[in-house]
PDB file of N, CA and C in Angstrom:
ATOM      1  N   MET A   1     -23.010  51.020  18.945  1.00  0.00           N
ATOM      2  CA  MET A   1     -24.020  49.574  19.499  1.00  0.00           C
ATOM      3  C   MET A   1     -25.056  49.552  18.386  1.00  0.00           C
ATOM      4  N   MET A   2     -25.028  48.429  18.150  1.00  0.00           N
ATOM      5  CA  MET A   2     -25.866  47.686  17.214  1.00  0.00           C
ATOM      6  C   MET A   2     -27.526  47.171  18.226  1.00  0.00           C
ATOM      7  N   PRO A   3     -28.875  47.424  17.812  1.00  0.00           N
ATOM      8  CA  PRO A   3     -29.852  47.259  18.282  1.00  0.00           C
ATOM      9  C   PRO A   3     -29.777  46.044  18.655  1.00  0.00           C
ATOM     10  N   GLU A   4     -30.423  44.714  19.365  1.00  0.00           N
ATOM     11  CA  GLU A   4     -30.546  43.826  19.734  1.00  0.00           C
ATOM     12  C   GLU A   4     -31.717  43.264  18.125  1.00  0.00           C
ATOM     13  N   PRO A   5     -31.654  41.997  17.946  1.00  0.00           N
ATOM     14  CA  PRO A   5     -32.014  41.639  16.664  1.00  0.00           C
ATOM     15  C   PRO A   5     -33.569  41.715  16.733  1.00  0.00           C
ATOM     16  N   SER A   6     -34.091  40.944  17.934  1.00  0.00           N
ATOM     17  CA  SER A   6     -34.920  41.013  18.456  1.00  0.00           C
ATOM     18  C   SER A   6     -35.489  42.637  18.106  1.00  0.00           C
ATOM     19  N   ASP A   7     -35.210  43.635  18.536  1.00  0.00           N
ATOM     20  CA  ASP A   7     -35.512  44.919  18.732  1.00  0.00           C
ATOM     21  C   ASP A   7     -35.503  45.214  17.311  1.00  0.00           C
ATOM     22  N   LEU A   8     -34.877  44.697  16.471  1.00  0.00           N
ATOM     23  CA  LEU A   8     -35.094  45.578  14.723  1.00  0.00           C
ATOM     24  C   LEU A   8     -36.434  45.057  14.514  1.00  0.00           C
ATOM     25  N   VAL A   9     -36.938  43.323  14.584  1.00  0.00           N
ATOM     26  CA  VAL A   9     -37.976  42.663  14.237  1.00  0.00           C
ATOM     27  C   VAL A   9     -38.865  43.779  14.352  1.00  0.00           C
ATOM     28  N   ARG A  10     -39.086  44.153  15.621  1.00  0.00           N
ATOM     29  CA  ARG A  10     -40.262  44.665  15.816  1.00  0.00           C
ATOM     30  C   ARG A  10     -40.205  46.176  15.550  1.00  0.00           C
ATOM     31  N   ALA A  11     -39.396  47.175  14.825  1.00  0.00           N
ATOM     32  CA  ALA A  11     -38.951  47.661  14.608  1.00  0.00           C
ATOM     33  C   ALA A  11     -40.422  48.332  13.537  1.00  0.00           C
ATOM     34  N   VAL A  12     -41.000  49.715  13.799  1.00  0.00           N
ATOM     35  CA  VAL A  12     -41.508  50.283  12.715  1.00  0.00           C
ATOM     36  C   VAL A  12     -40.389  50.628  11.071  1.00  0.00           C
ATOM     37  N   LEU A  13     -41.242  50.276   9.946  1.00  0.00           N
ATOM     38  CA  LEU A  13     -40.474  50.653   8.804  1.00  0.00           C
ATOM     39  C   LEU A  13     -40.966  52.565   8.795  1.00  0.00           C
ATOM     40  N   PRO A  14     -39.632  53.142   8.316  1.00  0.00           N
ATOM     41  CA  PRO A  14     -39.602  54.315   7.799  1.00  0.00           C
ATOM     42  C   PRO A  14     -40.843  55.321   6.971  1.00  0.00           C
ATOM     43  N   ASP A  15     -41.008  54.136   5.878  1.00  0.00           N
ATOM     44  CA  ASP A  15     -42.099  54.969   4.944  1.00  0.00           C
ATOM     45  C   ASP A  15     -43.155  54.287   5.257  1.00  0.00           C
ATOM     46  N   PRO A  16     -44.155  54.287   4.354  1.00  0.00           N
ATOM     47  CA  PRO A  16     -45.137  53.613   4.205  1.00  0.00           C
ATOM     48  C   PRO A  16     -44.871  52.128   2.894  1.00  0.00           C
ATOM     49  N   GLY A  17     -43.606  52.478   2.957  1.00  0.00           N
ATOM     50  CA  GLY A  17     -43.302  51.073   1.705  1.00  0.00           C
ATOM     51  C   GLY A  17     -42.965  50.907   0.337  1.00  0.00           C
ATOM     52  N   PRO A  18     -43.112  50.416  -0.490  1.00  0.00           N
ATOM     53  CA  PRO A  18     -42.787  50.682  -1.566  1.00  0.00           C
ATOM     54  C   PRO A  18     -43.798  51.039  -2.297  1.00  0.00           C
ATOM     55  N   ARG A  19     -42.887  51.849  -3.494  1.00  0.00           N
ATOM     56  CA  ARG A  19     -44.347  52.150  -4.511  1.00  0.00           C
ATOM     57  C   ARG A  19     -44.205  51.337  -5.751  1.00  0.00           C
ATOM     58  N   PHE A  20     -45.795  51.563  -6.142  1.00  0.00           N
ATOM     59  CA  PHE A  20     -45.459  50.843  -7.540  1.00  0.00           C
ATOM     60  C   PHE A  20     -46.473  50.852  -8.320  1.00  0.00           C
ATOM     61  N   GLU A  21     -46.441  51.016  -9.545  1.00  0.00           N
ATOM     62  CA  GLU A  21     -47.474  51.077 -10.442  1.00  0.00           C
ATOM     63  C   GLU A  21     -48.911  49.684 -10.524  1.00  0.00           C
ATOM     64  N   ARG A  22     -50.068  50.531 -11.004  1.00  0.00           N
ATOM     65  CA  ARG A  22     -51.011  49.696 -10.618  1.00  0.00           C
ATOM     66  C   ARG A  22     -51.480  49.231 -11.833  1.00  0.00           C
ATOM     67  N   LEU A  23     -51.264  47.995 -12.323  1.00  0.00           N
ATOM     68  CA  LEU A  23     -51.940  47.362 -13.539  1.00  0.00           C
ATOM     69  C   LEU A  23     -53.111  46.686 -12.666  1.00  0.00           C
ATOM     70  N   SER A  24     -53.941  46.594 -12.820  1.00  0.00           N
ATOM     71  CA  SER A  24     -55.562  46.226 -12.217  1.00  0.00           C
ATOM     72  C   SER A  24     -55.782  45.408 -13.403  1.00  0.00           C
ATOM     73  N   LYS A  25     -55.471  45.302 -14.485  1.00  0.00           N
ATOM     74  CA  LYS A  25     -56.045  44.747 -15.758  1.00  0.00           C
ATOM     75  C   LYS A  25     -55.151  43.493 -16.009  1.00  0.00           C
ATOM     76  N   SER A  26     -54.169  43.994 -15.525  1.00  0.00           N
ATOM     77  CA  SER A  26     -53.050  42.514 -15.871  1.00  0.00           C
ATOM     78  C   SER A  26     -53.373  41.414 -15.011  1.00  0.00           C
ATOM     79  N   PRO A  27     -53.433  40.085 -15.763  1.00  0.00           N
ATOM     80  CA  PRO A  27     -53.953  38.587 -15.006  1.00  0.00           C
ATOM     81  C   PRO A  27     -53.093  38.319 -14.031  1.00  0.00           C
ATOM     82  N   ASP A  28     -52.520  39.018 -13.594  1.00  0.00           N
ATOM     83  CA  ASP A  28     -51.402  38.466 -12.015  1.00  0.00           C
ATOM     84  C   ASP A  28     -51.740  39.652 -11.040  1.00  0.00           C
ATOM     85  N   TRP A  29     -52.506  40.537 -11.303  1.00  0.00           N
ATOM     86  CA  TRP A  29     -52.773  41.905 -10.166  1.00  0.00           C
ATOM     87  C   TRP A  29     -53.735  40.951  -9.213  1.00  0.00           C
ATOM     88  N   SER A  30     -54.702  40.373  -9.053  1.00  0.00           N
ATOM     89  CA  SER A  30     -54.999  39.572  -7.555  1.00  0.00           C
ATOM     90  C   SER A  30     -54.317  39.178  -6.556  1.00  0.00           C
ATOM     91  N   ARG A  31     -52.900  38.685  -7.217  1.00  0.00           N
ATOM     92  CA  ARG A  31     -52.001  37.805  -6.956  1.00  0.00           C
ATOM     93  C   ARG A  31     -51.022  38.908  -5.821  1.00  0.00           C
ATOM     94  N   PHE A  32     -50.839  39.664  -7.178  1.00  0.00           N
ATOM     95  CA  PHE A  32     -49.894  40.844  -6.789  1.00  0.00           C
ATOM     96  C   PHE A  32     -50.534  41.643  -5.304  1.00  0.00           C
ATOM     97  N   GLU A  33     -52.146  42.014  -5.365  1.00  0.00           N
ATOM     98  CA  GLU A  33     -52.051  41.989  -4.448  1.00  0.00           C
ATOM     99  C   GLU A  33     -52.421  41.555  -2.984  1.00  0.00           C
ATOM    100  N   ARG A  34     -52.628  40.519  -3.238  1.00  0.00           N
ATOM    101  CA  ARG A  34     -52.682  39.779  -1.880  1.00  0.00           C
ATOM    102  C   ARG A  34     -51.127  39.676  -1.689  1.00  0.00           C
ATOM    103  N   GLY A  35     -50.120  40.000  -2.097  1.00  0.00           N
ATOM    104  CA  GLY A  35     -48.393  40.175  -2.014  1.00  0.00           C
ATOM    105  C   GLY A  35     -48.475  41.214  -1.180  1.00  0.00           C
ATOM    106  N   VAL A  36     -49.415  42.789  -1.463  1.00  0.00           N
ATOM    107  CA  VAL A  36     -49.358  43.697  -1.364  1.00  0.00           C
ATOM    108  C   VAL A  36     -49.740  44.140   0.322  1.00  0.00           C
ATOM    109  N   ALA A  37     -50.802  42.832   0.599  1.00  0.00           N
ATOM    110  CA  ALA A  37     -51.514  42.747   1.733  1.00  0.00           C
ATOM    111  C   ALA A  37     -50.944  41.723   3.144  1.00  0.00           C
ATOM    112  N   LEU A  38     -50.037  41.392   2.141  1.00  0.00           N
ATOM    113  CA  LEU A  38     -49.281  40.781   3.536  1.00  0.00           C
ATOM    114  C   LEU A  38     -48.144  41.764   3.753  1.00  0.00           C
ATOM    115  N   TYR A  39     -47.528  42.320   3.355  1.00  0.00           N
ATOM    116  CA  TYR A  39     -46.624  43.098   3.561  1.00  0.00           C
ATOM    117  C   TYR A  39     -47.380  44.431   4.457  1.00  0.00           C
ATOM    118  N   ASN A  40     -48.640  45.025   4.167  1.00  0.00           N
ATOM    119  CA  ASN A  40     -49.151  45.641   4.782  1.00  0.00           C
ATOM    120  C   ASN A  40     -49.774  45.172   6.434  1.00  0.00           C
ATOM    121  N   GLN A  41     -49.793  44.066   6.488  1.00  0.00           N
ATOM    122  CA  GLN A  41     -50.219  43.232   7.486  1.00  0.00           C
ATOM    123  C   GLN A  41     -48.719  43.280   8.544  1.00  0.00           C
ATOM    124  N   GLY A  42     -47.737  43.434   7.941  1.00  0.00           N
ATOM    125  CA  GLY A  42     -46.285  43.056   8.162  1.00  0.00           C
ATOM    126  C   GLY A  42     -45.780  41.944   7.986  1.00  0.00           C
ATOM    127  N   GLN A  43     -46.549  40.710   7.773  1.00  0.00           N
ATOM    128  CA  GLN A  43     -45.698  39.454   7.470  1.00  0.00           C
ATOM    129  C   GLN A  43     -44.989  39.592   6.094  1.00  0.00           C
ATOM    130  N   TYR A  44     -43.634  39.967   6.512  1.00  0.00           N
ATOM    131  CA  TYR A  44     -42.864  40.636   5.921  1.00  0.00           C
ATOM    132  C   TYR A  44     -42.437  39.684   4.938  1.00  0.00           C
ATOM    133  N   LEU A  45     -41.831  38.478   5.643  1.00  0.00           N
ATOM    134  CA  LEU A  45     -41.151  37.498   5.154  1.00  0.00           C
ATOM    135  C   LEU A  45     -41.886  36.187   3.906  1.00  0.00           C
ATOM    136  N   ASP A  46     -43.710  36.270   4.897  1.00  0.00           N
ATOM    137  CA  ASP A  46     -44.139  36.029   3.557  1.00  0.00           C
ATOM    138  C   ASP A  46     -44.635  36.660   2.344  1.00  0.00           C
ATOM    139  N   ALA A  47     -44.658  38.083   2.653  1.00  0.00           N
ATOM    140  CA  ALA A  47     -44.444  39.083   1.466  1.00  0.00           C
ATOM    141  C   ALA A  47     -43.485  38.890   0.728  1.00  0.00           C
ATOM    142  N   LEU A  48     -42.291  38.875   1.277  1.00  0.00           N
ATOM    143  CA  LEU A  48     -40.946  38.032  -0.002  1.00  0.00           C
ATOM    144  C   LEU A  48     -41.042  37.253  -0.368  1.00  0.00           C
ATOM    145  N   ARG A  49     -41.484  36.122   0.371  1.00  0.00           N
ATOM    146  CA  ARG A  49     -41.649  34.703   0.018  1.00  0.00           C
ATOM    147  C   ARG A  49     -42.389  34.513  -1.639  1.00  0.00           C
ATOM    148  N   HIS A  50     -43.899  35.494  -1.508  1.00  0.00           N
ATOM    149  CA  HIS A  50     -45.111  35.019  -2.304  1.00  0.00           C
ATOM    150  C   HIS A  50     -44.417  36.274  -3.415  1.00  0.00           C
ATOM    151  N   PHE A  51     -43.626  37.475  -2.834  1.00  0.00           N
ATOM    152  CA  PHE A  51     -43.057  38.099  -4.635  1.00  0.00           C
ATOM    153  C   PHE A  51     -41.889  37.428  -5.190  1.00  0.00           C
ATOM    154  N   THR A  52     -41.556  36.958  -4.701  1.00  0.00           N
ATOM    155  CA  THR A  52     -39.961  35.877  -5.096  1.00  0.00           C
ATOM    156  C   THR A  52     -40.546  35.108  -6.105  1.00  0.00           C
ATOM    157  N   ASP A  53     -41.590  34.087  -5.422  1.00  0.00           N
ATOM    158  CA  ASP A  53     -42.481  33.264  -6.068  1.00  0.00           C
ATOM    159  C   ASP A  53     -43.034  33.673  -7.798  1.00  0.00           C
ATOM    160  N   MET A  54     -43.672  34.833  -7.373  1.00  0.00           N
ATOM    161  CA  MET A  54     -44.219  35.433  -8.913  1.00  0.00           C
ATOM    162  C   MET A  54     -43.196  35.620  -9.232  1.00  0.00           C
ATOM    163  N   ARG A  55     -42.212  36.617  -8.968  1.00  0.00           N
ATOM    164  CA  ARG A  55     -40.837  36.954  -9.761  1.00  0.00           C
ATOM    165  C   ARG A  55     -40.532  35.522 -10.814  1.00  0.00           C
ATOM    166  N   ARG A  56     -40.168  34.667  -9.917  1.00  0.00           N
ATOM    167  CA  ARG A  56     -39.786  33.132 -10.708  1.00  0.00           C
ATOM    168  C   ARG A  56     -40.427  32.337 -11.460  1.00  0.00           C
ATOM    169  N   GLU A  57     -42.030  32.410 -11.547  1.00  0.00           N
ATOM    170  CA  GLU A  57     -42.998  32.337 -11.924  1.00  0.00           C
ATOM    171  C   GLU A  57     -43.172  32.827 -13.151  1.00  0.00           C
ATOM    172  N   HIS A  58     -43.183  34.002 -13.337  1.00  0.00           N
ATOM    173  CA  HIS A  58     -43.792  35.118 -14.404  1.00  0.00           C
ATOM    174  C   HIS A  58     -42.488  35.680 -14.416  1.00  0.00           C
ATOM    175  N   PRO A  59     -41.485  35.582 -15.148  1.00  0.00           N
ATOM    176  CA  PRO A  59     -40.098  36.924 -15.083  1.00  0.00           C
ATOM    177  C   PRO A  59     -40.441  37.648 -16.199  1.00  0.00           C
ATOM    178  N   ASP A  60     -41.538  37.606 -16.908  1.00  0.00           N
ATOM    179  CA  ASP A  60     -41.993  38.698 -18.220  1.00  0.00           C
ATOM    180  C   ASP A  60     -43.321  39.501 -18.070  1.00  0.00           C
ATOM    181  N   SER A  61     -43.525  39.363 -16.990  1.00  0.00           N
ATOM    182  CA  SER A  61     -45.049  40.067 -16.912  1.00  0.00           C
ATOM    183  C   SER A  61     -45.210  41.256 -16.306  1.00  0.00           C
ATOM    184  N   PRO A  62     -46.069  41.980 -16.795  1.00  0.00           N
ATOM    185  CA  PRO A  62     -46.127  43.778 -16.609  1.00  0.00           C
ATOM    186  C   PRO A  62     -46.051  43.844 -14.998  1.00  0.00           C
ATOM    187  N   LEU A  63     -46.191  43.243 -14.598  1.00  0.00           N
ATOM    188  CA  LEU A  63     -45.979  43.712 -12.887  1.00  0.00           C
ATOM    189  C   LEU A  63     -44.238  43.466 -12.873  1.00  0.00           C
ATOM    190  N   ARG A  64     -43.773  43.094 -13.738  1.00  0.00           N
ATOM    191  CA  ARG A  64     -42.543  42.914 -13.364  1.00  0.00           C
ATOM    192  C   ARG A  64     -41.780  44.033 -11.836  1.00  0.00           C
ATOM    193  N   SER A  65     -41.760  45.136 -12.341  1.00  0.00           N
ATOM    194  CA  SER A  65     -40.944  46.270 -12.088  1.00  0.00           C
ATOM    195  C   SER A  65     -41.763  46.217 -10.585  1.00  0.00           C
ATOM    196  N   SER A  66     -42.914  46.657 -10.337  1.00  0.00           N
ATOM    197  CA  SER A  66     -43.694  46.700  -9.260  1.00  0.00           C
ATOM    198  C   SER A  66     -43.095  45.260  -7.969  1.00  0.00           C
ATOM    199  N   ILE A  67     -43.093  44.231  -8.946  1.00  0.00           N
ATOM    200  CA  ILE A  67     -43.267  43.139  -7.759  1.00  0.00           C
ATOM    201  C   ILE A  67     -41.368  42.990  -7.523  1.00  0.00           C
ATOM    202  N   GLN A  68     -40.807  43.777  -8.168  1.00  0.00           N
ATOM    203  CA  GLN A  68     -39.296  43.835  -7.804  1.00  0.00           C
ATOM    204  C   GLN A  68     -39.143  44.954  -6.978  1.00  0.00           C
ATOM    205  N   ALA A  69     -40.308  46.019  -6.426  1.00  0.00           N
ATOM    206  CA  ALA A  69     -39.980  46.633  -5.605  1.00  0.00           C
ATOM    207  C   ALA A  69     -40.283  46.666  -4.157  1.00  0.00           C
ATOM    208  N   PHE A  70     -40.892  45.262  -4.140  1.00  0.00           N
ATOM    209  CA  PHE A  70     -40.868  44.472  -2.731  1.00  0.00           C
ATOM    210  C   PHE A  70     -39.850  43.750  -2.530  1.00  0.00           C
TER     211      PHE A  70
END
C-alpha cells in the first residue's frame, strides 16, 4: 500500500542530498549557492525551479554537472 501523498511531502530524505563539485570561482557560483540553500531549507520545488532556470540560461556553465545533480 502506498503512503498518502501528504505523508510523502513531509518525509525526510534518506541522505544529505546531491554531492557536487565546488567551483567557487565560477561567475554563477553565488547563484548556485542560492539554489543549494533553497534545497537545504526544504524548499525542494523552489530549488528545482532555480536549478532548471540556471541550466536553461547557462547550458555551457562549468557548474553544469553540479546543477544537474539537483
